[in-house]
């Protein structure tokens, strides 16, 4: 399997989702957020980054 670097269209949204998910997990907010939101946001960022590396031109 050959991996390619993700394009900027895939990399930056994935990094943003990862960073926001980790930030929501670490920093307590006053909003009533479900504890699942940071997990799924971080998971979506990781999956997007993985898909961008596995598939060419995503």
C-alpha atoms as a PDB file:
ATOM      1  CA  UNK A   1       0.000   0.000   0.000  1.00  0.00           C
ATOM      2  CA  UNK A   2       1.382   3.372  -1.006  1.00  0.00           C
ATOM      3  CA  UNK A   3       0.414   6.329   1.120  1.00  0.00           C
ATOM      4  CA  UNK A   4       0.303   9.829  -0.302  1.00  0.00           C
ATOM      5  CA  UNK A   5       0.367  13.086   1.623  1.00  0.00           C
ATOM      6  CA  UNK A   6      -3.127  14.537   2.027  1.00  0.00           C
ATOM      7  CA  UNK A   7      -3.978  17.683   0.110  1.00  0.00           C
ATOM      8  CA  UNK A   8      -4.507  20.973   1.887  1.00  0.00           C
ATOM      9  CA  UNK A   9      -8.282  20.627   1.436  1.00  0.00           C
ATOM     10  CA  UNK A  10      -8.154  17.463   3.540  1.00  0.00           C
ATOM     11  CA  UNK A  11      -5.304  18.207   5.919  1.00  0.00           C
ATOM     12  CA  UNK A  12      -6.423  21.513   7.424  1.00  0.00           C
ATOM     13  CA  UNK A  13     -10.068  20.562   8.186  1.00  0.00           C
ATOM     14  CA  UNK A  14      -8.832  17.303   9.712  1.00  0.00           C
ATOM     15  CA  UNK A  15      -6.298  19.111  11.902  1.00  0.00           C
ATOM     16  CA  UNK A  16      -8.969  21.645  12.864  1.00  0.00           C
ATOM     17  CA  UNK A  17     -11.407  18.906  13.881  1.00  0.00           C
ATOM     18  CA  UNK A  18      -8.691  17.105  15.847  1.00  0.00           C
ATOM     19  CA  UNK A  19      -7.613  20.278  17.629  1.00  0.00           C
ATOM     20  CA  UNK A  20     -11.174  21.351  18.432  1.00  0.00           C
ATOM     21  CA  UNK A  21     -12.083  17.900  19.732  1.00  0.00           C
ATOM     22  CA  UNK A  22      -9.035  17.770  21.987  1.00  0.00           C
ATOM     23  CA  UNK A  23      -9.633  21.347  23.144  1.00  0.00           C
ATOM     24  CA  UNK A  24     -13.270  20.602  24.029  1.00  0.00           C
ATOM     25  CA  UNK A  25     -12.130  17.525  25.930  1.00  0.00           C
ATOM     26  CA  UNK A  26      -9.467  19.368  27.953  1.00  0.00           C
ATOM     27  CA  UNK A  27     -11.001  22.797  28.572  1.00  0.00           C
ATOM     28  CA  UNK A  28     -14.212  22.829  30.591  1.00  0.00           C
ATOM     29  CA  UNK A  29     -16.954  24.863  28.939  1.00  0.00           C
ATOM     30  CA  UNK A  30     -20.041  26.391  30.486  1.00  0.00           C
ATOM     31  CA  UNK A  31     -22.241  24.982  27.727  1.00  0.00           C
ATOM     32  CA  UNK A  32     -24.155  21.756  28.209  1.00  0.00           C
ATOM     33  CA  UNK A  33     -22.274  19.636  25.693  1.00  0.00           C
ATOM     34  CA  UNK A  34     -22.662  15.935  25.473  1.00  0.00           C
ATOM     35  CA  UNK A  35     -19.442  14.160  26.468  1.00  0.00           C
ATOM     36  CA  UNK A  36     -19.635  12.322  23.148  1.00  0.00           C
ATOM     37  CA  UNK A  37     -19.108  15.458  21.024  1.00  0.00           C
ATOM     38  CA  UNK A  38     -15.342  15.836  21.659  1.00  0.00           C
ATOM     39  CA  UNK A  39     -14.834  12.124  21.047  1.00  0.00           C
ATOM     40  CA  UNK A  40     -16.699  12.056  17.731  1.00  0.00           C
ATOM     41  CA  UNK A  41     -15.128  15.314  16.569  1.00  0.00           C
ATOM     42  CA  UNK A  42     -11.646  13.950  17.256  1.00  0.00           C
ATOM     43  CA  UNK A  43     -12.520  10.615  15.646  1.00  0.00           C
ATOM     44  CA  UNK A  44     -13.874  12.359  12.536  1.00  0.00           C
ATOM     45  CA  UNK A  45     -10.679  14.394  12.214  1.00  0.00           C
ATOM     46  CA  UNK A  46      -8.535  11.288  12.505  1.00  0.00           C
ATOM     47  CA  UNK A  47     -10.627   9.376   9.992  1.00  0.00           C
ATOM     48  CA  UNK A  48     -10.522  12.280   7.539  1.00  0.00           C
ATOM     49  CA  UNK A  49      -6.740  12.503   7.893  1.00  0.00           C
ATOM     50  CA  UNK A  50      -6.404   8.756   7.360  1.00  0.00           C
ATOM     51  CA  UNK A  51      -8.639   8.802   4.285  1.00  0.00           C
ATOM     52  CA  UNK A  52      -6.659  11.701   2.866  1.00  0.00           C
ATOM     53  CA  UNK A  53      -3.448   9.695   3.254  1.00  0.00           C
ATOM     54  CA  UNK A  54      -4.773   6.412   1.885  1.00  0.00           C
ATOM     55  CA  UNK A  55      -6.695   7.682  -1.118  1.00  0.00           C
ATOM     56  CA  UNK A  56      -5.051   9.808  -3.747  1.00  0.00           C
ATOM     57  CA  UNK A  57      -6.445  13.276  -4.542  1.00  0.00           C
ATOM     58  CA  UNK A  58      -8.979  13.569  -1.737  1.00  0.00           C
END
